[in-house]
N, C-alpha and C. Protein backbone atom coordinates (compact mmCIF):
# COMPACT_ATOMS: atom_id res chain seq x y z
N MET A 1 46.49 -10.53 16.07
CA MET A 1 45.61 -9.44 15.69
C MET A 1 44.06 -9.93 15.65
N SER A 2 43.59 -9.80 17.00
CA SER A 2 41.99 -10.17 16.91
C SER A 2 41.27 -8.60 16.88
N LYS A 3 40.21 -8.90 16.24
CA LYS A 3 39.33 -7.87 15.88
C LYS A 3 38.45 -7.62 17.34
N GLN A 4 38.81 -6.08 17.91
CA GLN A 4 37.77 -5.96 18.95
C GLN A 4 36.66 -5.34 18.86
N LYS A 5 35.66 -5.52 19.41
CA LYS A 5 34.22 -4.88 19.20
C LYS A 5 34.51 -3.51 19.87
N PRO A 6 33.86 -2.75 19.24
CA PRO A 6 33.87 -1.31 19.81
C PRO A 6 33.06 -1.16 20.94
N LYS A 7 33.40 -0.54 22.07
CA LYS A 7 32.61 -0.51 23.37
C LYS A 7 31.68 0.78 23.20
N GLY A 8 30.67 0.75 23.67
CA GLY A 8 29.51 1.86 23.76
C GLY A 8 28.95 2.16 22.34
N ARG A 9 28.61 0.84 21.69
CA ARG A 9 28.14 1.00 20.43
C ARG A 9 26.73 2.05 20.51
N ARG A 10 26.75 2.85 19.55
CA ARG A 10 25.38 3.67 19.55
C ARG A 10 24.13 2.94 18.77
N LYS A 11 23.01 2.87 19.59
CA LYS A 11 21.97 2.35 18.96
C LYS A 11 21.24 3.24 17.99
N HIS A 12 20.81 2.64 16.88
CA HIS A 12 20.02 3.36 15.92
C HIS A 12 18.76 4.12 16.53
N VAL A 13 18.62 5.14 16.04
CA VAL A 13 17.39 6.09 16.59
C VAL A 13 16.37 6.34 15.26
N PRO A 14 15.25 5.67 15.34
CA PRO A 14 14.63 5.85 14.16
C PRO A 14 13.86 7.45 14.05
N LEU A 15 13.84 8.11 12.99
CA LEU A 15 13.42 9.31 12.61
C LEU A 15 12.34 9.36 12.07
N ARG A 16 11.24 10.15 12.49
CA ARG A 16 10.08 10.63 11.62
C ARG A 16 10.03 12.00 11.52
N THR A 17 9.19 12.26 10.47
CA THR A 17 9.11 13.93 9.90
C THR A 17 7.56 14.31 10.50
N CYS A 18 7.67 15.47 10.93
CA CYS A 18 6.48 16.07 11.53
C CYS A 18 5.79 16.53 10.15
N VAL A 19 4.38 16.27 9.90
CA VAL A 19 3.76 16.54 8.71
C VAL A 19 3.51 17.92 8.91
N ALA A 20 3.31 18.97 9.88
CA ALA A 20 3.03 20.23 9.80
C ALA A 20 4.47 20.84 9.38
N CYS A 21 5.39 20.89 10.27
CA CYS A 21 6.62 21.78 10.00
C CYS A 21 7.96 21.07 9.13
N GLY A 22 7.60 19.76 8.93
CA GLY A 22 8.68 19.01 8.04
C GLY A 22 9.96 18.79 8.53
N VAL A 23 10.10 18.78 10.13
CA VAL A 23 11.49 18.59 10.59
C VAL A 23 11.62 17.12 11.18
N ALA A 24 12.65 16.27 10.69
CA ALA A 24 12.64 15.05 11.17
C ALA A 24 13.08 15.22 12.65
N ARG A 25 12.76 14.24 13.36
CA ARG A 25 13.14 14.17 14.71
C ARG A 25 13.04 12.67 15.04
N PRO A 26 13.59 12.24 16.44
CA PRO A 26 13.62 11.04 16.87
C PRO A 26 11.99 10.60 17.02
N LYS A 27 11.65 9.43 16.74
CA LYS A 27 10.26 8.94 16.81
C LYS A 27 9.71 9.12 18.08
N ARG A 28 10.35 8.84 19.24
CA ARG A 28 10.08 9.15 20.59
C ARG A 28 9.52 10.50 21.07
N SER A 29 9.87 11.51 20.26
CA SER A 29 9.93 12.84 20.68
C SER A 29 8.78 13.42 19.98
N LEU A 30 8.11 12.59 18.90
CA LEU A 30 6.92 13.02 18.32
C LEU A 30 5.69 12.48 18.69
N LEU A 31 4.37 12.83 18.46
CA LEU A 31 3.07 12.14 18.69
C LEU A 31 2.53 11.57 17.47
N ARG A 32 1.97 10.50 17.67
CA ARG A 32 1.45 10.07 16.50
C ARG A 32 -0.06 9.90 16.24
N LEU A 33 -0.74 10.48 15.19
CA LEU A 33 -1.83 10.28 14.91
C LEU A 33 -2.26 9.22 13.93
N VAL A 34 -3.23 8.57 14.23
CA VAL A 34 -3.50 7.29 13.44
C VAL A 34 -4.88 7.42 13.12
N ARG A 35 -5.21 6.72 11.70
CA ARG A 35 -6.32 6.66 10.93
C ARG A 35 -6.87 5.16 11.38
N VAL A 36 -7.74 5.07 12.13
CA VAL A 36 -8.45 3.59 12.51
C VAL A 36 -9.77 3.43 11.80
N GLN A 37 -9.74 2.15 11.62
CA GLN A 37 -11.23 1.53 10.96
C GLN A 37 -12.26 1.42 11.84
N GLY A 38 -13.63 1.98 11.57
CA GLY A 38 -14.75 1.88 12.31
C GLY A 38 -15.72 1.50 11.37
N SER A 39 -16.96 1.30 11.57
CA SER A 39 -18.07 0.96 10.72
C SER A 39 -19.39 1.53 10.97
N VAL A 40 -20.20 1.74 10.08
CA VAL A 40 -21.39 2.22 10.19
C VAL A 40 -22.23 1.44 10.58
N VAL A 41 -23.51 1.69 11.59
CA VAL A 41 -24.32 0.72 11.89
C VAL A 41 -24.99 0.17 10.75
N THR A 42 -25.26 -1.06 10.85
CA THR A 42 -25.96 -1.80 9.75
C THR A 42 -27.41 -1.43 10.10
N PRO A 43 -28.40 -1.39 8.91
CA PRO A 43 -29.62 -1.07 9.17
C PRO A 43 -30.62 -2.13 9.92
N PRO A 44 -31.62 -1.62 10.48
CA PRO A 44 -32.53 -2.73 11.43
C PRO A 44 -33.25 -3.82 10.64
N VAL A 45 -33.31 -4.80 11.35
CA VAL A 45 -34.13 -5.96 10.57
C VAL A 45 -35.67 -6.06 11.28
N GLN A 46 -36.70 -5.85 10.17
CA GLN A 46 -38.12 -5.85 10.77
C GLN A 46 -38.79 -7.02 10.09
N ALA A 47 -39.51 -7.68 10.78
CA ALA A 47 -40.24 -8.45 10.35
C ALA A 47 -39.39 -9.60 9.34
N GLY A 48 -38.26 -10.14 9.67
CA GLY A 48 -37.39 -10.85 9.05
C GLY A 48 -36.92 -10.42 7.59
N ARG A 49 -36.94 -9.20 7.49
CA ARG A 49 -36.18 -8.71 6.09
C ARG A 49 -35.41 -7.23 6.46
N LEU A 50 -34.46 -7.02 5.69
CA LEU A 50 -33.95 -5.95 5.99
C LEU A 50 -34.42 -4.63 5.32
N GLU A 51 -34.33 -3.44 6.25
CA GLU A 51 -34.92 -2.41 5.66
C GLU A 51 -33.84 -1.93 4.40
N PRO A 52 -34.59 -1.15 3.31
CA PRO A 52 -33.45 -0.75 2.34
C PRO A 52 -32.74 0.30 2.85
N PRO A 53 -31.15 0.10 2.82
CA PRO A 53 -29.96 1.01 3.26
C PRO A 53 -30.36 2.35 2.72
N ALA A 54 -29.76 3.25 3.60
CA ALA A 54 -29.69 4.59 2.99
C ALA A 54 -28.58 4.67 1.97
N PRO A 55 -28.62 5.43 0.82
CA PRO A 55 -27.69 5.57 -0.31
C PRO A 55 -26.30 5.71 0.38
N GLU A 56 -25.81 6.21 1.46
CA GLU A 56 -24.39 6.32 1.79
C GLU A 56 -24.11 4.88 2.53
N GLN A 57 -25.03 3.80 2.96
CA GLN A 57 -24.87 2.89 3.54
C GLN A 57 -24.94 1.51 2.43
N GLU A 58 -25.31 1.78 1.34
CA GLU A 58 -25.29 0.76 0.39
C GLU A 58 -24.04 0.32 -0.39
N ARG A 59 -23.75 -1.08 0.10
CA ARG A 59 -22.55 -1.61 -0.65
C ARG A 59 -22.21 -1.38 -2.41
N GLY A 60 -21.24 -1.40 -2.67
CA GLY A 60 -20.73 -1.35 -3.93
C GLY A 60 -21.49 -2.40 -4.85
N ASP A 61 -21.75 -3.63 -4.35
CA ASP A 61 -22.64 -4.48 -4.98
C ASP A 61 -23.90 -4.54 -5.07
N GLY A 62 -24.59 -3.40 -4.40
CA GLY A 62 -26.00 -3.49 -4.50
C GLY A 62 -26.66 -4.14 -3.44
N ARG A 63 -26.11 -5.06 -2.63
CA ARG A 63 -26.79 -5.92 -1.52
C ARG A 63 -26.99 -4.92 -0.41
N ALA A 64 -28.17 -5.15 0.19
CA ALA A 64 -28.76 -4.41 1.40
C ALA A 64 -27.97 -4.89 2.70
N GLY A 65 -27.92 -4.05 3.66
CA GLY A 65 -27.50 -4.39 4.88
C GLY A 65 -26.13 -4.28 5.18
N ALA A 66 -25.27 -3.87 4.50
CA ALA A 66 -23.91 -3.73 4.31
C ALA A 66 -23.57 -2.58 5.18
N SER A 67 -22.27 -2.47 5.91
CA SER A 67 -21.90 -1.51 6.26
C SER A 67 -20.47 -0.88 5.56
N LEU A 68 -20.38 0.57 5.56
CA LEU A 68 -19.30 0.89 4.85
C LEU A 68 -18.32 1.27 6.12
N PRO A 69 -16.97 1.14 5.77
CA PRO A 69 -15.78 1.34 6.55
C PRO A 69 -16.16 2.89 6.94
N ALA A 70 -15.87 3.39 8.30
CA ALA A 70 -15.61 4.88 8.55
C ALA A 70 -14.26 4.93 9.39
N HIS A 71 -13.53 5.94 8.91
CA HIS A 71 -12.27 6.19 9.57
C HIS A 71 -12.40 7.32 10.63
N LYS A 72 -11.56 6.95 11.49
CA LYS A 72 -11.64 7.96 12.75
C LYS A 72 -10.11 8.35 12.97
N ILE A 73 -9.99 9.40 13.40
CA ILE A 73 -8.52 9.61 13.55
C ILE A 73 -8.19 9.98 15.52
N VAL A 74 -7.20 9.25 15.77
CA VAL A 74 -7.04 9.16 17.14
C VAL A 74 -5.59 9.29 17.45
N VAL A 75 -5.13 9.86 18.67
CA VAL A 75 -3.89 9.93 19.12
C VAL A 75 -3.18 8.56 19.60
N ASP A 76 -2.25 8.17 19.16
CA ASP A 76 -1.55 6.92 19.36
C ASP A 76 -0.31 7.05 20.43
N PRO A 77 -0.50 7.35 21.75
CA PRO A 77 0.71 7.37 22.60
C PRO A 77 1.39 6.27 22.61
N SER A 78 1.26 4.97 22.35
CA SER A 78 2.36 4.11 22.21
C SER A 78 2.96 3.93 20.93
N GLY A 79 2.47 4.55 19.94
CA GLY A 79 3.29 4.46 18.37
C GLY A 79 3.26 3.31 17.89
N LYS A 80 2.22 2.48 18.41
CA LYS A 80 2.17 0.99 17.78
C LYS A 80 0.97 0.63 17.24
N GLN A 81 0.14 1.31 17.58
CA GLN A 81 -1.50 0.90 17.01
C GLN A 81 -1.67 0.68 15.42
N ALA A 82 -2.30 -0.24 14.98
CA ALA A 82 -2.52 -0.59 13.37
C ALA A 82 -3.22 0.56 12.99
N GLY A 83 -2.98 0.83 11.84
CA GLY A 83 -3.37 1.79 10.78
C GLY A 83 -2.27 2.89 10.36
N ARG A 84 -2.90 3.55 9.40
CA ARG A 84 -1.96 4.53 9.05
C ARG A 84 -1.71 5.71 9.64
N GLY A 85 -0.47 6.10 9.80
CA GLY A 85 -0.05 7.12 10.99
C GLY A 85 0.67 8.56 10.23
N ALA A 86 0.59 9.54 11.12
CA ALA A 86 1.24 10.94 10.78
C ALA A 86 1.86 11.34 11.92
N TYR A 87 3.06 11.69 11.95
CA TYR A 87 3.81 12.45 13.36
C TYR A 87 3.43 13.91 13.48
N LEU A 88 3.35 14.44 14.50
CA LEU A 88 3.23 15.72 14.94
C LEU A 88 4.20 15.85 15.93
N CYS A 89 5.00 17.12 15.85
CA CYS A 89 5.64 17.87 17.17
C CYS A 89 4.80 17.97 18.27
N ARG A 90 5.71 18.18 19.31
CA ARG A 90 4.83 18.21 20.76
C ARG A 90 4.70 19.86 20.61
N ASP A 91 4.84 20.35 19.75
CA ASP A 91 4.93 21.85 19.59
C ASP A 91 3.44 22.36 19.27
N SER A 92 2.62 23.16 20.05
CA SER A 92 1.20 23.58 19.81
C SER A 92 1.25 24.35 18.48
N ALA A 93 2.19 24.84 17.82
CA ALA A 93 1.90 25.53 16.58
C ALA A 93 1.99 24.55 15.32
N CYS A 94 2.68 23.69 15.65
CA CYS A 94 2.48 22.41 14.53
C CYS A 94 0.95 21.70 14.64
N TRP A 95 0.55 21.73 16.14
CA TRP A 95 -0.77 21.03 15.89
C TRP A 95 -1.89 22.13 15.58
N LYS A 96 -1.92 23.23 16.05
CA LYS A 96 -2.76 24.35 15.34
C LYS A 96 -2.88 24.43 13.90
N LYS A 97 -1.38 24.10 13.02
CA LYS A 97 -1.42 24.43 11.74
C LYS A 97 -2.22 23.22 10.95
N ALA A 98 -1.71 22.01 11.67
CA ALA A 98 -2.30 20.73 11.09
C ALA A 98 -3.79 20.81 11.23
N LEU A 99 -4.43 21.24 12.22
CA LEU A 99 -5.65 21.19 12.59
C LEU A 99 -6.72 22.18 12.13
N SER A 100 -5.78 23.36 11.72
CA SER A 100 -6.49 24.55 10.97
C SER A 100 -6.69 24.12 9.49
N SER A 101 -5.63 23.56 8.85
CA SER A 101 -5.62 23.31 7.38
C SER A 101 -6.14 21.98 7.17
N ASN A 102 -7.37 21.83 6.24
CA ASN A 102 -7.92 20.54 5.89
C ASN A 102 -6.73 19.47 5.07
N ARG A 103 -5.88 20.13 4.45
CA ARG A 103 -4.96 19.48 3.55
C ARG A 103 -3.77 18.80 4.45
N VAL A 104 -3.13 19.24 5.49
CA VAL A 104 -1.93 18.74 6.01
C VAL A 104 -2.59 17.31 6.60
N LEU A 105 -3.39 17.04 7.42
CA LEU A 105 -3.70 15.81 8.08
C LEU A 105 -4.38 14.75 6.94
N SER A 106 -5.44 15.56 6.08
CA SER A 106 -5.83 14.90 5.07
C SER A 106 -5.11 13.95 4.26
N ARG A 107 -3.85 14.80 3.83
CA ARG A 107 -3.15 14.18 2.93
C ARG A 107 -2.19 12.98 3.67
N ALA A 108 -1.58 13.55 4.72
CA ALA A 108 -0.73 12.56 5.33
C ALA A 108 -1.42 11.27 5.70
N LEU A 109 -2.88 11.39 6.13
CA LEU A 109 -3.61 10.32 6.48
C LEU A 109 -4.51 9.53 5.41
N ARG A 110 -4.52 10.11 4.34
CA ARG A 110 -5.30 9.55 3.07
C ARG A 110 -6.73 9.66 3.32
N THR A 111 -7.12 10.64 4.11
CA THR A 111 -8.65 10.24 4.58
C THR A 111 -9.19 11.75 4.65
N SER A 112 -10.33 12.09 4.71
CA SER A 112 -10.98 13.38 5.23
C SER A 112 -10.99 13.34 6.59
N VAL A 113 -10.66 14.58 7.16
CA VAL A 113 -10.72 14.68 8.66
C VAL A 113 -12.12 15.32 8.84
N SER A 114 -12.76 14.62 9.72
CA SER A 114 -14.12 14.96 10.14
C SER A 114 -14.17 15.98 11.16
N GLU A 115 -15.33 16.80 11.29
CA GLU A 115 -15.26 17.91 12.35
C GLU A 115 -15.13 17.24 13.78
N ASP A 116 -15.82 15.99 13.92
CA ASP A 116 -15.67 15.29 15.46
C ASP A 116 -14.40 15.05 15.83
N ASP A 117 -13.30 14.55 14.69
CA ASP A 117 -12.12 14.18 14.93
C ASP A 117 -11.40 15.31 15.27
N ARG A 118 -11.57 16.33 14.46
CA ARG A 118 -10.88 17.78 14.67
C ARG A 118 -11.20 18.27 16.05
N ALA A 119 -12.40 18.16 16.46
CA ALA A 119 -12.89 18.63 17.92
C ALA A 119 -12.07 17.67 18.94
N ALA A 120 -12.07 16.32 18.78
CA ALA A 120 -11.48 15.78 19.77
C ALA A 120 -10.04 15.84 19.61
N LEU A 121 -9.38 15.97 18.80
CA LEU A 121 -7.72 16.51 18.54
C LEU A 121 -7.59 17.72 19.27
N LEU A 122 -8.28 18.79 18.93
CA LEU A 122 -8.13 20.03 19.53
C LEU A 122 -8.28 19.93 21.42
N ALA A 123 -9.19 19.15 21.55
CA ALA A 123 -9.53 19.04 23.24
C ALA A 123 -8.16 18.35 23.64
N PHE A 124 -7.65 17.18 22.83
CA PHE A 124 -6.54 16.48 23.30
C PHE A 124 -5.33 17.59 23.48
N LEU A 125 -5.29 18.61 22.71
CA LEU A 125 -4.26 19.58 22.65
C LEU A 125 -4.35 20.39 23.81
N GLU A 126 -5.58 20.95 23.93
CA GLU A 126 -5.76 21.78 25.32
C GLU A 126 -5.58 21.07 26.43
N ARG A 127 -6.00 19.65 26.65
CA ARG A 127 -5.56 18.75 27.85
C ARG A 127 -4.26 18.71 28.07
N GLU A 128 -3.37 18.36 26.79
CA GLU A 128 -2.11 17.96 27.11
C GLU A 128 -1.12 19.53 27.48
N LEU A 129 -1.75 20.67 27.02
CA LEU A 129 -1.11 21.76 27.20
C LEU A 129 -1.13 22.33 28.78
N ALA A 130 -2.27 21.74 29.45
CA ALA A 130 -2.43 22.00 30.74
C ALA A 130 -1.64 21.23 31.58
N GLU A 131 -1.07 19.97 31.07
CA GLU A 131 -0.07 18.96 31.98
C GLU A 131 1.28 19.41 31.94
N PRO A 132 2.06 19.48 32.86
CA PRO A 132 3.44 19.84 32.60
C PRO A 132 4.16 18.73 31.92
N GLY A 133 4.99 19.15 30.96
CA GLY A 133 5.74 18.25 30.25
C GLY A 133 4.84 17.64 28.92
N GLY A 134 3.72 18.15 28.87
CA GLY A 134 2.71 17.56 27.85
C GLY A 134 3.29 18.29 26.25
N VAL A 135 2.49 18.79 25.60
CA VAL A 135 2.80 19.54 24.31
C VAL A 135 3.32 20.87 24.53
N SER A 136 4.11 21.42 24.16
CA SER A 136 4.83 22.52 24.44
C SER A 136 4.25 23.60 23.70
N GLU A 137 4.22 24.99 24.24
CA GLU A 137 3.79 26.12 24.05
C GLU A 137 4.85 26.87 22.64
N GLY A 138 4.33 27.10 21.67
CA GLY A 138 5.04 27.74 20.33
C GLY A 138 6.33 27.80 20.30
């Protein structure tokens, strides 16, 4: 009595939840948005010394010339980019809900969504709607 391996073993399919509609779907059927780290430009050096930084560029320890991390939100087509991620359905209604409300993406990505990021994501949505097989209408 030997144990036989089952033929046609099904592979595990990872599920992720859309932050807009709350439906769990296979990871590959969703689009991932990711919060990536950027940086603010450091102040210029003049005559061998640093200019005093603007208040928003000052480090917590009071030293001049430091840069603060700035977050940017981008679409991650590979689903493997480093950073905190959130998933959205390929449905335009979910994208519009996520981009119209400050709370949905801000809460999922744990950062505030800037107007530049919102505009870039809306441009991505419009570009993908124009392509066949991209984000689907409602």
